Amino acid sequence: MNRKLISIAAATLLSALSIGAQAQTQTYSQGFDDLSNGVYGSNPARTLPSLTGGSLFNGVWSAGGAVGIAGTSLDRYITLNQGESFSFALTLTQAVDLTFSFLVGGNRATSEYTVTGPGFSQTNAVVDLSPSGNTFVDPSTSGATFSQVFNNLGVGTHTFTIAATTGGSSIDGAVFSATAIAAPVPEPETYAMMLAGLGAIGFMSRRRKKAQG
């Protein structure tokens, strides 16, 4: 093995170390301003537009019950009456750590919503940031943010559901952010030992050539 081959091997190893340290990420955010006011109802599931062909995940959304759409063209949101739900089904192409968040509004005095996901279920009261406890809260202007991390989700389809369990709720601005779980990368010390081994091989090769000469 000559010096040129050793240099190429060393550069390849260092490049692999650098690439392995870079985690692939994908983020999807969903507002509802492009929908028309009225009842979304039990319409067929809709493909999440910017997820089609996504590198880490793709998906659909669907409604359970007579889910409504309210607001203006600049600020529309999903409204849920008690017993109604709205779901996102994400199909992962590889294992990821994923954060799911959205904005939520409603009437603080009467509203609760339940979020379910892979191995997760939590019921929360709607947080009203306005002075009056019974005033309807627009999720995108005065609502609260729900956020939950789901670690090590495997390949396959995972469903995330928001349900109005008491009173009515409204949701907007759903965001999914996924980071791929990369295969284990050898520690730098391992690469150092490999490079040292290559150097030793090169040294022995040169000595052998000199002895033969």
Protein backbone atom coordinates (compact mmCIF):
# COMPACT_ATOMS: atom_id res chain seq x y z
CA MET A 1 0.00 0.00 0.00
CA ASN A 2 1.62 3.30 -1.02
CA ARG A 3 1.30 6.73 0.56
CA LYS A 4 -1.32 7.88 -1.97
CA LEU A 5 -3.66 5.01 -1.15
CA ILE A 6 -3.24 5.65 2.58
CA SER A 7 -4.14 9.33 2.07
CA ILE A 8 -7.24 8.40 0.09
CA ALA A 9 -8.32 5.93 2.77
CA ALA A 10 -7.81 8.52 5.50
CA ALA A 11 -9.85 11.13 3.63
CA THR A 12 -12.65 8.61 3.08
CA LEU A 13 -12.80 7.76 6.77
CA LEU A 14 -12.90 11.40 7.84
CA SER A 15 -15.65 12.09 5.28
CA ALA A 16 -17.70 9.20 6.62
CA LEU A 17 -17.34 10.57 10.15
CA SER A 18 -18.60 13.97 9.03
CA ILE A 19 -21.58 12.59 7.06
CA GLY A 20 -22.58 10.22 9.84
CA ALA A 21 -22.85 13.12 12.28
CA GLN A 22 -25.46 14.93 10.15
CA ALA A 23 -29.03 13.96 11.12
CA GLN A 24 -31.70 14.18 8.42
CA THR A 25 -34.76 16.23 9.37
CA GLN A 26 -38.20 16.94 7.87
CA THR A 27 -40.78 19.47 9.06
CA TYR A 28 -44.41 19.81 8.02
CA SER A 29 -46.75 22.61 9.12
CA GLN A 30 -50.48 22.75 8.43
CA GLY A 31 -52.74 25.79 8.59
CA PHE A 32 -56.29 25.79 7.25
CA ASP A 33 -56.57 29.22 5.62
CA ASP A 34 -57.01 27.70 2.15
CA LEU A 35 -60.19 25.83 3.13
CA SER A 36 -63.71 27.25 2.84
CA ASN A 37 -65.92 27.93 5.85
CA GLY A 38 -68.55 25.33 6.57
CA VAL A 39 -68.67 21.71 7.62
CA TYR A 40 -65.67 19.57 6.77
CA GLY A 41 -67.64 16.66 8.18
CA SER A 42 -66.64 13.12 7.39
CA ASN A 43 -65.20 14.01 3.98
CA PRO A 44 -62.58 11.60 2.65
CA ALA A 45 -59.13 11.80 4.15
CA ARG A 46 -56.98 14.44 2.51
CA THR A 47 -53.32 13.99 1.59
CA LEU A 48 -51.04 16.40 3.40
CA PRO A 49 -49.88 18.41 0.34
CA SER A 50 -46.26 19.10 1.17
CA LEU A 51 -45.71 15.59 2.52
CA THR A 52 -46.25 13.76 -0.75
CA GLY A 53 -42.94 12.12 -1.55
CA GLY A 54 -41.38 13.28 1.71
CA SER A 55 -38.04 11.71 2.54
CA LEU A 56 -38.90 10.74 6.13
CA PHE A 57 -42.70 10.64 6.19
CA ASN A 58 -45.88 11.33 4.27
CA GLY A 59 -49.46 11.32 5.44
CA VAL A 60 -53.12 12.27 5.39
CA TRP A 61 -55.55 14.11 7.63
CA SER A 62 -59.15 13.10 8.34
CA ALA A 63 -62.15 14.30 10.35
CA GLY A 64 -64.32 12.37 12.79
CA GLY A 65 -67.83 13.82 12.96
CA ALA A 66 -69.26 17.09 11.66
CA VAL A 67 -66.01 18.96 12.08
CA GLY A 68 -66.32 22.60 11.05
CA ILE A 69 -64.12 25.24 9.45
CA ALA A 70 -64.44 28.81 10.73
CA GLY A 71 -62.65 32.16 10.62
CA THR A 72 -61.60 34.36 7.71
CA SER A 73 -59.47 33.81 4.62
CA LEU A 74 -56.51 35.15 6.58
CA ASP A 75 -57.19 33.04 9.66
CA ARG A 76 -59.23 29.86 9.30
CA TYR A 77 -59.17 27.04 11.80
CA ILE A 78 -60.79 23.70 12.58
CA THR A 79 -63.67 23.70 15.10
CA LEU A 80 -64.55 20.60 17.11
CA ASN A 81 -67.81 20.11 19.00
CA GLN A 82 -67.87 17.67 21.89
CA GLY A 83 -67.28 14.16 20.61
CA GLU A 84 -65.67 15.25 17.32
CA SER A 85 -62.05 14.69 16.39
CA PHE A 86 -59.40 15.52 13.84
CA SER A 87 -56.56 13.13 13.00
CA PHE A 88 -53.24 13.06 11.19
CA ALA A 89 -51.87 9.72 10.01
CA LEU A 90 -48.14 9.82 9.31
CA THR A 91 -46.37 7.00 7.50
CA LEU A 92 -42.70 6.92 8.45
CA THR A 93 -40.12 5.61 6.00
CA GLN A 94 -37.51 5.24 8.74
CA ALA A 95 -37.26 5.53 12.50
CA VAL A 96 -37.43 9.10 13.83
CA ASP A 97 -37.72 11.26 16.92
CA LEU A 98 -40.81 13.38 16.27
CA THR A 99 -42.33 16.51 17.82
CA PHE A 100 -46.07 17.17 17.30
CA SER A 101 -47.47 20.59 18.18
CA PHE A 102 -50.54 22.72 17.43
CA LEU A 103 -52.45 25.80 18.61
CA VAL A 104 -55.68 25.28 20.54
CA GLY A 105 -58.55 27.55 21.54
CA GLY A 106 -62.11 27.35 22.85
CA ASN A 107 -63.91 28.41 26.04
CA ARG A 108 -61.78 27.98 29.12
CA ALA A 109 -64.72 27.43 31.43
CA THR A 110 -66.11 24.48 29.50
CA SER A 111 -63.53 23.07 27.08
CA GLU A 112 -61.21 20.11 27.34
CA TYR A 113 -59.45 18.25 24.56
CA THR A 114 -57.66 14.93 24.43
CA VAL A 115 -54.57 14.23 22.35
CA THR A 116 -53.65 10.65 21.51
CA GLY A 117 -50.60 9.34 19.68
CA PRO A 118 -48.32 6.29 19.70
CA GLY A 119 -48.28 5.14 23.33
CA PHE A 120 -49.67 8.52 24.48
CA SER A 121 -52.98 9.96 25.67
CA GLN A 122 -53.47 13.23 27.54
CA THR A 123 -56.50 15.38 28.35
CA ASN A 124 -56.02 19.11 28.79
CA ALA A 125 -58.18 22.11 29.63
CA VAL A 126 -58.21 24.82 26.98
CA VAL A 127 -56.04 27.67 28.20
CA ASP A 128 -57.72 31.04 27.75
CA LEU A 129 -55.24 33.89 27.46
CA SER A 130 -57.98 36.52 27.20
CA PRO A 131 -59.33 38.36 30.28
CA SER A 132 -62.80 36.81 30.16
CA GLY A 133 -62.98 33.11 30.98
CA ASN A 134 -66.08 32.47 28.86
CA THR A 135 -64.93 34.33 25.74
CA PHE A 136 -64.19 32.17 22.72
CA VAL A 137 -60.46 31.94 22.10
CA ASP A 138 -59.16 32.02 18.53
CA PRO A 139 -56.37 29.39 18.52
CA SER A 140 -54.01 31.34 16.29
CA THR A 141 -54.30 34.70 18.07
CA SER A 142 -55.06 33.99 21.73
CA GLY A 143 -54.78 30.24 22.14
CA ALA A 144 -52.19 28.04 23.75
CA THR A 145 -49.60 25.71 22.24
CA PHE A 146 -49.68 21.97 22.79
CA SER A 147 -46.41 20.15 22.13
CA GLN A 148 -45.33 16.56 22.67
CA VAL A 149 -42.18 14.64 21.75
CA PHE A 150 -42.41 11.04 20.52
CA ASN A 151 -39.05 9.32 20.64
CA ASN A 152 -37.90 6.43 18.49
CA LEU A 153 -41.02 5.98 16.36
CA GLY A 154 -40.52 3.05 14.01
CA VAL A 155 -41.27 2.59 10.32
CA GLY A 156 -45.00 2.38 9.61
CA THR A 157 -48.16 4.45 10.08
CA HIS A 158 -48.78 6.37 13.31
CA THR A 159 -51.99 8.27 14.07
CA PHE A 160 -52.21 11.51 16.05
CA THR A 161 -55.74 12.55 17.09
CA ILE A 162 -57.15 15.70 18.70
CA ALA A 163 -60.63 15.17 20.19
CA ALA A 164 -63.02 17.60 21.90
CA THR A 165 -63.92 15.68 25.06
CA THR A 166 -65.79 18.42 26.96
CA GLY A 167 -67.32 21.46 25.31
CA GLY A 168 -65.89 22.69 22.03
CA SER A 169 -62.31 23.28 20.91
CA SER A 170 -60.61 24.83 17.92
CA ILE A 171 -57.22 23.95 16.44
CA ASP A 172 -54.79 25.55 14.03
CA GLY A 173 -51.13 25.54 13.07
CA ALA A 174 -50.30 21.84 13.41
CA VAL A 175 -46.58 21.10 13.06
CA PHE A 176 -44.69 17.81 12.77
CA SER A 177 -40.91 17.90 13.02
CA ALA A 178 -39.01 14.64 12.57
CA THR A 179 -35.32 13.84 12.97
CA ALA A 180 -34.05 10.57 11.59
CA ILE A 181 -32.43 8.19 14.02
CA ALA A 182 -29.12 7.55 12.31
CA ALA A 183 -27.29 4.25 12.49
CA PRO A 184 -24.63 4.26 15.22
CA VAL A 185 -21.45 6.01 14.08
CA PRO A 186 -18.10 4.71 15.34
CA GLU A 187 -16.44 6.90 17.96
CA PRO A 188 -13.59 9.16 16.77
CA GLU A 189 -11.17 6.95 18.73
CA THR A 190 -12.18 4.02 16.51
CA TYR A 191 -11.33 6.00 13.38
CA ALA A 192 -8.02 7.03 14.93
CA MET A 193 -7.13 3.41 15.56
CA MET A 194 -8.04 2.50 11.99
CA LEU A 195 -5.90 5.32 10.62
CA ALA A 196 -3.02 4.25 12.86
CA GLY A 197 -3.40 0.73 11.52
CA LEU A 198 -3.27 1.98 7.94
CA GLY A 199 -0.16 3.97 8.77
CA ALA A 200 1.49 0.91 10.26
CA ILE A 201 0.65 -1.13 7.16
CA GLY A 202 2.15 1.58 4.96
CA PHE A 203 5.30 1.68 7.09
CA MET A 204 5.75 -2.10 6.89
CA SER A 205 5.16 -1.97 3.14
CA ARG A 206 7.92 0.61 2.68
CA ARG A 207 10.32 -1.42 4.81
CA ARG A 208 9.58 -4.53 2.78
CA LYS A 209 10.28 -2.67 -0.48
CA LYS A 210 13.59 -1.40 0.87
CA ALA A 211 14.57 -4.91 1.99
CA GLN A 212 13.74 -6.30 -1.44
CA GLY A 213 15.74 -3.51 -3.13
